[in-house]
Amino acid sequence: MLIDCDACVMRGPGCQDCVVTAVLGLTADPGPTLRIDADEQAALAALADSGLVPPLRLVHAVESLPQEESDVKFGSNPRGELRRSQNGH
C-alpha cells in the first residue's frame, strides 16, 4: 500500500486522528509518501480495531484515481475495506 498524504483529501483536519501521525510521527507538512507491506497493514489494522491507535484516514480525491479504482480505494482502511467511524465520518 502506498500512502501519499499529498493526495489525501483529509490532509490537515484529518491528520490529528490518523495512524500516520499517531504511530509514525509524521505531520501534514510536507506531505509524506510511505509504502507499507501487507504485514504492516495488518498490524496497523489490529491496533486500530482494538482502539489503541486511530485508523488510517487516507481518502484519495476521486479524480486522482483511475476510474476502475475509485470505487475500491475511496475511504478504505489499511486492509482495503470500506469503513465508517462510529461518529459517522
PDB file of N, CA and C in Angstrom:
ATOM      1  N   MET A   1       0.850  -1.173   0.000  1.00  0.00           N
ATOM      2  CA  MET A   1       0.000   0.000   0.000  1.00  0.00           C
ATOM      3  C   MET A   1       0.890   1.226   0.000  1.00  0.00           C
ATOM      4  N   LEU A   2       0.547   2.167  -0.829  1.00  0.00           N
ATOM      5  CA  LEU A   2       1.252   3.439  -0.884  1.00  0.00           C
ATOM      6  C   LEU A   2       0.381   4.482  -0.213  1.00  0.00           C
ATOM      7  N   ILE A   3       0.907   5.136   0.790  1.00  0.00           N
ATOM      8  CA  ILE A   3       0.187   6.194   1.495  1.00  0.00           C
ATOM      9  C   ILE A   3       0.809   7.514   1.072  1.00  0.00           C
ATOM     10  N   ASP A   4       0.070   8.280   0.299  1.00  0.00           N
ATOM     11  CA  ASP A   4       0.541   9.575  -0.189  1.00  0.00           C
ATOM     12  C   ASP A   4      -0.301  10.664   0.464  1.00  0.00           C
ATOM     13  N   CYS A   5       0.220  11.273   1.506  1.00  0.00           N
ATOM     14  CA  CYS A   5      -0.526  12.298   2.241  1.00  0.00           C
ATOM     15  C   CYS A   5      -0.851  13.510   1.374  1.00  0.00           C
ATOM     16  N   ASP A   6      -0.039  13.788   0.360  1.00  0.00           N
ATOM     17  CA  ASP A   6      -0.330  14.907  -0.538  1.00  0.00           C
ATOM     18  C   ASP A   6      -1.605  14.677  -1.340  1.00  0.00           C
ATOM     19  N   ALA A   7      -1.965  13.422  -1.591  1.00  0.00           N
ATOM     20  CA  ALA A   7      -3.163  13.102  -2.372  1.00  0.00           C
ATOM     21  C   ALA A   7      -4.392  12.883  -1.494  1.00  0.00           C
ATOM     22  N   CYS A   8      -4.246  12.968  -0.193  1.00  0.00           N
ATOM     23  CA  CYS A   8      -5.348  12.704   0.739  1.00  0.00           C
ATOM     24  C   CYS A   8      -6.218  13.948   0.915  1.00  0.00           C
ATOM     25  N   VAL A   9      -7.528  13.800   0.691  1.00  0.00           N
ATOM     26  CA  VAL A   9      -8.429  14.941   0.859  1.00  0.00           C
ATOM     27  C   VAL A   9      -8.678  15.262   2.331  1.00  0.00           C
ATOM     28  N   MET A  10      -8.287  14.377   3.232  1.00  0.00           N
ATOM     29  CA  MET A  10      -8.425  14.623   4.666  1.00  0.00           C
ATOM     30  C   MET A  10      -7.212  15.345   5.239  1.00  0.00           C
ATOM     31  N   ARG A  11      -6.219  15.622   4.406  1.00  0.00           N
ATOM     32  CA  ARG A  11      -4.986  16.269   4.856  1.00  0.00           C
ATOM     33  C   ARG A  11      -5.304  17.583   5.561  1.00  0.00           C
ATOM     34  N   GLY A  12      -4.715  17.771   6.695  1.00  0.00           N
ATOM     35  CA  GLY A  12      -4.974  18.955   7.516  1.00  0.00           C
ATOM     36  C   GLY A  12      -5.860  18.570   8.682  1.00  0.00           C
ATOM     37  N   PRO A  13      -7.195  18.708   8.539  1.00  0.00           N
ATOM     38  CA  PRO A  13      -8.076  18.410   9.672  1.00  0.00           C
ATOM     39  C   PRO A  13      -8.082  16.935  10.063  1.00  0.00           C
ATOM     40  N   GLY A  14      -7.869  16.017   9.125  1.00  0.00           N
ATOM     41  CA  GLY A  14      -7.888  14.594   9.436  1.00  0.00           C
ATOM     42  C   GLY A  14      -6.573  14.058   9.974  1.00  0.00           C
ATOM     43  N   CYS A  15      -5.503  14.820   9.864  1.00  0.00           N
ATOM     44  CA  CYS A  15      -4.175  14.348  10.273  1.00  0.00           C
ATOM     45  C   CYS A  15      -4.076  14.069  11.772  1.00  0.00           C
ATOM     46  N   GLN A  16      -4.753  14.855  12.577  1.00  0.00           N
ATOM     47  CA  GLN A  16      -4.653  14.674  14.026  1.00  0.00           C
ATOM     48  C   GLN A  16      -5.206  13.338  14.479  1.00  0.00           C
ATOM     49  N   ASP A  17      -6.138  12.756  13.705  1.00  0.00           N
ATOM     50  CA  ASP A  17      -6.758  11.493  14.081  1.00  0.00           C
ATOM     51  C   ASP A  17      -6.437  10.404  13.065  1.00  0.00           C
ATOM     52  N   CYS A  18      -5.207  10.394  12.570  1.00  0.00           N
ATOM     53  CA  CYS A  18      -4.774   9.405  11.579  1.00  0.00           C
ATOM     54  C   CYS A  18      -3.592   8.620  12.139  1.00  0.00           C
ATOM     55  N   VAL A  19      -3.549   7.330  11.829  1.00  0.00           N
ATOM     56  CA  VAL A  19      -2.473   6.478  12.325  1.00  0.00           C
ATOM     57  C   VAL A  19      -1.104   6.930  11.816  1.00  0.00           C
ATOM     58  N   VAL A  20      -1.035   7.564  10.668  1.00  0.00           N
ATOM     59  CA  VAL A  20       0.251   8.044  10.148  1.00  0.00           C
ATOM     60  C   VAL A  20       0.862   9.042  11.122  1.00  0.00           C
ATOM     61  N   THR A  21       0.051   9.948  11.642  1.00  0.00           N
ATOM     62  CA  THR A  21       0.525  10.934  12.614  1.00  0.00           C
ATOM     63  C   THR A  21       0.761  10.290  13.972  1.00  0.00           C
ATOM     64  N   ALA A  22      -0.174   9.457  14.420  1.00  0.00           N
ATOM     65  CA  ALA A  22      -0.110   8.877  15.764  1.00  0.00           C
ATOM     66  C   ALA A  22       1.061   7.926  15.952  1.00  0.00           C
ATOM     67  N   VAL A  23       1.258   7.023  15.030  1.00  0.00           N
ATOM     68  CA  VAL A  23       2.281   5.987  15.198  1.00  0.00           C
ATOM     69  C   VAL A  23       3.611   6.379  14.576  1.00  0.00           C
ATOM     70  N   LEU A  24       3.560   6.946  13.392  1.00  0.00           N
ATOM     71  CA  LEU A  24       4.793   7.233  12.674  1.00  0.00           C
ATOM     72  C   LEU A  24       5.342   8.615  12.952  1.00  0.00           C
ATOM     73  N   GLY A  25       4.557   9.460  13.614  1.00  0.00           N
ATOM     74  CA  GLY A  25       5.026  10.779  13.991  1.00  0.00           C
ATOM     75  C   GLY A  25       5.197  11.740  12.839  1.00  0.00           C
ATOM     76  N   LEU A  26       4.568  11.459  11.715  1.00  0.00           N
ATOM     77  CA  LEU A  26       4.677  12.343  10.562  1.00  0.00           C
ATOM     78  C   LEU A  26       3.621  13.427  10.643  1.00  0.00           C
ATOM     79  N   THR A  27       3.906  14.551  10.033  1.00  0.00           N
ATOM     80  CA  THR A  27       2.965  15.663  10.037  1.00  0.00           C
ATOM     81  C   THR A  27       2.452  15.912   8.628  1.00  0.00           C
ATOM     82  N   ALA A  28       1.464  16.774   8.525  1.00  0.00           N
ATOM     83  CA  ALA A  28       0.841  17.047   7.227  1.00  0.00           C
ATOM     84  C   ALA A  28       1.712  17.900   6.316  1.00  0.00           C
ATOM     85  N   ASP A  29       2.728  18.553   6.846  1.00  0.00           N
ATOM     86  CA  ASP A  29       3.515  19.459   6.020  1.00  0.00           C
ATOM     87  C   ASP A  29       4.996  19.224   6.252  1.00  0.00           C
ATOM     88  N   PRO A  30       5.800  18.794   5.323  1.00  0.00           N
ATOM     89  CA  PRO A  30       5.375  18.447   3.977  1.00  0.00           C
ATOM     90  C   PRO A  30       4.730  17.071   3.958  1.00  0.00           C
ATOM     91  N   GLY A  31       3.900  16.806   2.983  1.00  0.00           N
ATOM     92  CA  GLY A  31       3.175  15.543   2.905  1.00  0.00           C
ATOM     93  C   GLY A  31       4.092  14.377   2.609  1.00  0.00           C
ATOM     94  N   PRO A  32       4.130  13.411   3.505  1.00  0.00           N
ATOM     95  CA  PRO A  32       4.982  12.247   3.290  1.00  0.00           C
ATOM     96  C   PRO A  32       4.337  11.244   2.334  1.00  0.00           C
ATOM     97  N   THR A  33       5.156  10.415   1.741  1.00  0.00           N
ATOM     98  CA  THR A  33       4.679   9.267   0.981  1.00  0.00           C
ATOM     99  C   THR A  33       5.330   8.049   1.605  1.00  0.00           C
ATOM    100  N   LEU A  34       4.519   7.085   2.008  1.00  0.00           N
ATOM    101  CA  LEU A  34       5.006   5.887   2.679  1.00  0.00           C
ATOM    102  C   LEU A  34       4.575   4.657   1.919  1.00  0.00           C
ATOM    103  N   ARG A  35       5.361   3.616   1.990  1.00  0.00           N
ATOM    104  CA  ARG A  35       4.959   2.324   1.446  1.00  0.00           C
ATOM    105  C   ARG A  35       4.995   1.335   2.607  1.00  0.00           C
ATOM    106  N   ILE A  36       3.850   0.686   2.860  1.00  0.00           N
ATOM    107  CA  ILE A  36       3.796  -0.323   3.912  1.00  0.00           C
ATOM    108  C   ILE A  36       3.358  -1.641   3.291  1.00  0.00           C
ATOM    109  N   ASP A  37       3.926  -2.748   3.804  1.00  0.00           N
ATOM    110  CA  ASP A  37       3.605  -4.056   3.237  1.00  0.00           C
ATOM    111  C   ASP A  37       2.373  -4.656   3.918  1.00  0.00           C
ATOM    112  N   ALA A  38       1.970  -5.829   3.485  1.00  0.00           N
ATOM    113  CA  ALA A  38       0.744  -6.466   3.982  1.00  0.00           C
ATOM    114  C   ALA A  38       0.815  -6.751   5.484  1.00  0.00           C
ATOM    115  N   ASP A  39       1.969  -7.179   5.985  1.00  0.00           N
ATOM    116  CA  ASP A  39       2.111  -7.446   7.420  1.00  0.00           C
ATOM    117  C   ASP A  39       1.970  -6.164   8.237  1.00  0.00           C
ATOM    118  N   GLU A  40       2.558  -5.082   7.750  1.00  0.00           N
ATOM    119  CA  GLU A  40       2.432  -3.792   8.437  1.00  0.00           C
ATOM    120  C   GLU A  40       0.991  -3.288   8.395  1.00  0.00           C
ATOM    121  N   GLN A  41       0.315  -3.479   7.262  1.00  0.00           N
ATOM    122  CA  GLN A  41      -1.090  -3.093   7.155  1.00  0.00           C
ATOM    123  C   GLN A  41      -1.937  -3.860   8.166  1.00  0.00           C
ATOM    124  N   ALA A  42      -1.689  -5.163   8.285  1.00  0.00           N
ATOM    125  CA  ALA A  42      -2.441  -5.992   9.229  1.00  0.00           C
ATOM    126  C   ALA A  42      -2.173  -5.563  10.669  1.00  0.00           C
ATOM    127  N   ALA A  43      -0.924  -5.236  10.978  1.00  0.00           N
ATOM    128  CA  ALA A  43      -0.587  -4.790  12.333  1.00  0.00           C
ATOM    129  C   ALA A  43      -1.268  -3.465  12.663  1.00  0.00           C
ATOM    130  N   LEU A  44      -1.242  -2.517  11.734  1.00  0.00           N
ATOM    131  CA  LEU A  44      -1.907  -1.230  11.963  1.00  0.00           C
ATOM    132  C   LEU A  44      -3.416  -1.413  12.098  1.00  0.00           C
ATOM    133  N   ALA A  45      -3.998  -2.301  11.291  1.00  0.00           N
ATOM    134  CA  ALA A  45      -5.438  -2.559  11.377  1.00  0.00           C
ATOM    135  C   ALA A  45      -5.797  -3.192  12.717  1.00  0.00           C
ATOM    136  N   ALA A  46      -4.970  -4.126  13.207  1.00  0.00           N
ATOM    137  CA  ALA A  46      -5.233  -4.758  14.500  1.00  0.00           C
ATOM    138  C   ALA A  46      -5.163  -3.734  15.633  1.00  0.00           C
ATOM    139  N   LEU A  47      -4.182  -2.855  15.592  1.00  0.00           N
ATOM    140  CA  LEU A  47      -4.080  -1.805  16.609  1.00  0.00           C
ATOM    141  C   LEU A  47      -5.278  -0.864  16.552  1.00  0.00           C
ATOM    142  N   ALA A  48      -5.695  -0.497  15.349  1.00  0.00           N
ATOM    143  CA  ALA A  48      -6.843   0.408  15.195  1.00  0.00           C
ATOM    144  C   ALA A  48      -8.140  -0.272  15.620  1.00  0.00           C
ATOM    145  N   ASP A  49      -8.316  -1.534  15.245  1.00  0.00           N
ATOM    146  CA  ASP A  49      -9.537  -2.261  15.607  1.00  0.00           C
ATOM    147  C   ASP A  49      -9.679  -2.441  17.110  1.00  0.00           C
ATOM    148  N   SER A  50      -8.558  -2.491  17.820  1.00  0.00           N
ATOM    149  CA  SER A  50      -8.608  -2.638  19.279  1.00  0.00           C
ATOM    150  C   SER A  50      -8.664  -1.290  19.990  1.00  0.00           C
ATOM    151  N   GLY A  51      -8.624  -0.202  19.234  1.00  0.00           N
ATOM    152  CA  GLY A  51      -8.736   1.131  19.822  1.00  0.00           C
ATOM    153  C   GLY A  51      -7.438   1.706  20.354  1.00  0.00           C
ATOM    154  N   LEU A  52      -6.319   1.063  20.064  1.00  0.00           N
ATOM    155  CA  LEU A  52      -5.032   1.543  20.569  1.00  0.00           C
ATOM    156  C   LEU A  52      -4.466   2.708  19.764  1.00  0.00           C
ATOM    157  N   VAL A  53      -4.788   2.769  18.491  1.00  0.00           N
ATOM    158  CA  VAL A  53      -4.370   3.880  17.630  1.00  0.00           C
ATOM    159  C   VAL A  53      -5.547   4.233  16.726  1.00  0.00           C
ATOM    160  N   PRO A  54      -5.567   5.449  16.191  1.00  0.00           N
ATOM    161  CA  PRO A  54      -6.631   5.784  15.239  1.00  0.00           C
ATOM    162  C   PRO A  54      -6.403   5.037  13.926  1.00  0.00           C
ATOM    163  N   PRO A  55      -7.473   4.818  13.157  1.00  0.00           N
ATOM    164  CA  PRO A  55      -7.310   4.145  11.868  1.00  0.00           C
ATOM    165  C   PRO A  55      -6.674   5.070  10.838  1.00  0.00           C
ATOM    166  N   LEU A  56      -6.262   4.481   9.748  1.00  0.00           N
ATOM    167  CA  LEU A  56      -5.757   5.266   8.627  1.00  0.00           C
ATOM    168  C   LEU A  56      -6.909   6.087   8.069  1.00  0.00           C
ATOM    169  N   ARG A  57      -6.737   7.387   7.948  1.00  0.00           N
ATOM    170  CA  ARG A  57      -7.787   8.285   7.463  1.00  0.00           C
ATOM    171  C   ARG A  57      -7.578   8.676   6.006  1.00  0.00           C
ATOM    172  N   LEU A  58      -6.709   7.977   5.307  1.00  0.00           N
ATOM    173  CA  LEU A  58      -6.389   8.297   3.921  1.00  0.00           C
ATOM    174  C   LEU A  58      -7.624   8.185   3.038  1.00  0.00           C
ATOM    175  N   VAL A  59      -7.972   9.277   2.381  1.00  0.00           N
ATOM    176  CA  VAL A  59      -9.079   9.306   1.425  1.00  0.00           C
ATOM    177  C   VAL A  59      -8.570  10.015   0.179  1.00  0.00           C
ATOM    178  N   HIS A  60      -8.452   9.271  -0.912  1.00  0.00           N
ATOM    179  CA  HIS A  60      -7.985   9.861  -2.169  1.00  0.00           C
ATOM    180  C   HIS A  60      -9.095  10.679  -2.811  1.00  0.00           C
ATOM    181  N   ALA A  61      -8.721  11.766  -3.437  1.00  0.00           N
ATOM    182  CA  ALA A  61      -9.676  12.513  -4.253  1.00  0.00           C
ATOM    183  C   ALA A  61     -10.082  11.610  -5.409  1.00  0.00           C
ATOM    184  N   VAL A  62     -11.357  11.546  -5.703  1.00  0.00           N
ATOM    185  CA  VAL A  62     -11.851  10.632  -6.730  1.00  0.00           C
ATOM    186  C   VAL A  62     -11.174  10.869  -8.071  1.00  0.00           C
ATOM    187  N   GLU A  63     -10.982  12.122  -8.453  1.00  0.00           N
ATOM    188  CA  GLU A  63     -10.372  12.388  -9.748  1.00  0.00           C
ATOM    189  C   GLU A  63      -8.889  12.039  -9.804  1.00  0.00           C
ATOM    190  N   SER A  64      -8.252  11.771  -8.660  1.00  0.00           N
ATOM    191  CA  SER A  64      -6.835  11.417  -8.677  1.00  0.00           C
ATOM    192  C   SER A  64      -6.618   9.931  -8.922  1.00  0.00           C
ATOM    193  N   LEU A  65      -7.696   9.135  -8.908  1.00  0.00           N
ATOM    194  CA  LEU A  65      -7.582   7.699  -9.124  1.00  0.00           C
ATOM    195  C   LEU A  65      -8.077   7.319 -10.512  1.00  0.00           C
ATOM    196  N   PRO A  66      -7.518   6.260 -11.077  1.00  0.00           N
ATOM    197  CA  PRO A  66      -8.085   5.751 -12.326  1.00  0.00           C
ATOM    198  C   PRO A  66      -9.542   5.346 -12.091  1.00  0.00           C
ATOM    199  N   GLN A  67     -10.386   5.459 -13.085  1.00  0.00           N
ATOM    200  CA  GLN A  67     -11.823   5.222 -12.958  1.00  0.00           C
ATOM    201  C   GLN A  67     -12.138   3.890 -12.287  1.00  0.00           C
ATOM    202  N   GLU A  68     -11.478   2.808 -12.701  1.00  0.00           N
ATOM    203  CA  GLU A  68     -11.799   1.494 -12.165  1.00  0.00           C
ATOM    204  C   GLU A  68     -11.370   1.313 -10.714  1.00  0.00           C
ATOM    205  N   GLU A  69     -10.481   2.140 -10.183  1.00  0.00           N
ATOM    206  CA  GLU A  69     -10.018   2.006  -8.812  1.00  0.00           C
ATOM    207  C   GLU A  69     -10.775   2.875  -7.828  1.00  0.00           C
ATOM    208  N   SER A  70     -11.491   3.883  -8.272  1.00  0.00           N
ATOM    209  CA  SER A  70     -12.087   4.842  -7.349  1.00  0.00           C
ATOM    210  C   SER A  70     -13.087   4.197  -6.414  1.00  0.00           C
ATOM    211  N   ASP A  71     -13.872   3.233  -6.870  1.00  0.00           N
ATOM    212  CA  ASP A  71     -14.855   2.590  -6.013  1.00  0.00           C
ATOM    213  C   ASP A  71     -14.195   1.702  -4.967  1.00  0.00           C
ATOM    214  N   VAL A  72     -13.027   1.161  -5.264  1.00  0.00           N
ATOM    215  CA  VAL A  72     -12.364   0.242  -4.353  1.00  0.00           C
ATOM    216  C   VAL A  72     -11.601   0.968  -3.261  1.00  0.00           C
ATOM    217  N   LYS A  73     -10.893   2.029  -3.591  1.00  0.00           N
ATOM    218  CA  LYS A  73      -9.980   2.640  -2.640  1.00  0.00           C
ATOM    219  C   LYS A  73     -10.529   3.865  -1.916  1.00  0.00           C
ATOM    220  N   PHE A  74     -11.609   4.440  -2.365  1.00  0.00           N
ATOM    221  CA  PHE A  74     -12.117   5.652  -1.741  1.00  0.00           C
ATOM    222  C   PHE A  74     -12.590   5.346  -0.334  1.00  0.00           C
ATOM    223  N   GLY A  75     -11.930   5.928   0.658  1.00  0.00           N
ATOM    224  CA  GLY A  75     -12.336   5.764   2.048  1.00  0.00           C
ATOM    225  C   GLY A  75     -12.011   4.409   2.633  1.00  0.00           C
ATOM    226  N   SER A  76     -10.967   3.739   2.165  1.00  0.00           N
ATOM    227  CA  SER A  76     -10.672   2.410   2.673  1.00  0.00           C
ATOM    228  C   SER A  76      -9.738   2.462   3.868  1.00  0.00           C
ATOM    229  N   ASN A  77      -9.804   1.415   4.683  1.00  0.00           N
ATOM    230  CA  ASN A  77      -8.928   1.308   5.840  1.00  0.00           C
ATOM    231  C   ASN A  77      -7.656   0.568   5.424  1.00  0.00           C
ATOM    232  N   PRO A  78      -6.708   0.308   6.351  1.00  0.00           N
ATOM    233  CA  PRO A  78      -5.445  -0.328   5.960  1.00  0.00           C
ATOM    234  C   PRO A  78      -5.599  -1.701   5.316  1.00  0.00           C
ATOM    235  N   ARG A  79      -6.734  -2.380   5.543  1.00  0.00           N
ATOM    236  CA  ARG A  79      -6.941  -3.679   4.919  1.00  0.00           C
ATOM    237  C   ARG A  79      -7.678  -3.554   3.595  1.00  0.00           C
ATOM    238  N   GLY A  80      -7.965  -2.328   3.152  1.00  0.00           N
ATOM    239  CA  GLY A  80      -8.648  -2.134   1.894  1.00  0.00           C
ATOM    240  C   GLY A  80     -10.152  -2.270   1.988  1.00  0.00           C
ATOM    241  N   GLU A  81     -10.706  -2.338   3.204  1.00  0.00           N
ATOM    242  CA  GLU A  81     -12.147  -2.470   3.382  1.00  0.00           C
ATOM    243  C   GLU A  81     -12.756  -1.095   3.589  1.00  0.00           C
ATOM    244  N   LEU A  82     -13.936  -0.881   3.012  1.00  0.00           N
ATOM    245  CA  LEU A  82     -14.622   0.382   3.250  1.00  0.00           C
ATOM    246  C   LEU A  82     -15.093   0.411   4.686  1.00  0.00           C
ATOM    247  N   ARG A  83     -15.010   1.559   5.313  1.00  0.00           N
ATOM    248  CA  ARG A  83     -15.280   1.634   6.737  1.00  0.00           C
ATOM    249  C   ARG A  83     -15.817   3.003   7.108  1.00  0.00           C
ATOM    250  N   ARG A  84     -16.727   3.050   8.069  1.00  0.00           N
ATOM    251  CA  ARG A  84     -17.226   4.290   8.658  1.00  0.00           C
ATOM    252  C   ARG A  84     -16.855   4.280  10.121  1.00  0.00           C
ATOM    253  N   SER A  85     -16.494   5.419  10.631  1.00  0.00           N
ATOM    254  CA  SER A  85     -16.208   5.502  12.057  1.00  0.00           C
ATOM    255  C   SER A  85     -17.522   5.536  12.819  1.00  0.00           C
ATOM    256  N   GLN A  86     -17.473   5.309  14.131  1.00  0.00           N
ATOM    257  CA  GLN A  86     -18.679   5.269  14.939  1.00  0.00           C
ATOM    258  C   GLN A  86     -19.379   6.614  14.996  1.00  0.00           C
ATOM    259  N   ASN A  87     -18.655   7.698  14.783  1.00  0.00           N
ATOM    260  CA  ASN A  87     -19.291   9.009  14.825  1.00  0.00           C
ATOM    261  C   ASN A  87     -19.855   9.424  13.474  1.00  0.00           C
ATOM    262  N   GLY A  88     -19.841   8.511  12.492  1.00  0.00           N
ATOM    263  CA  GLY A  88     -20.465   8.767  11.202  1.00  0.00           C
ATOM    264  C   GLY A  88     -19.593   9.444  10.173  1.00  0.00           C
ATOM    265  N   HIS A  89     -18.318   9.667  10.441  1.00  0.00           N
ATOM    266  CA  HIS A  89     -17.409  10.307   9.478  1.00  0.00           C
ATOM    267  C   HIS A  89     -16.568   9.262   8.787  1.00  0.00           C
TER     268      HIS A  89
END
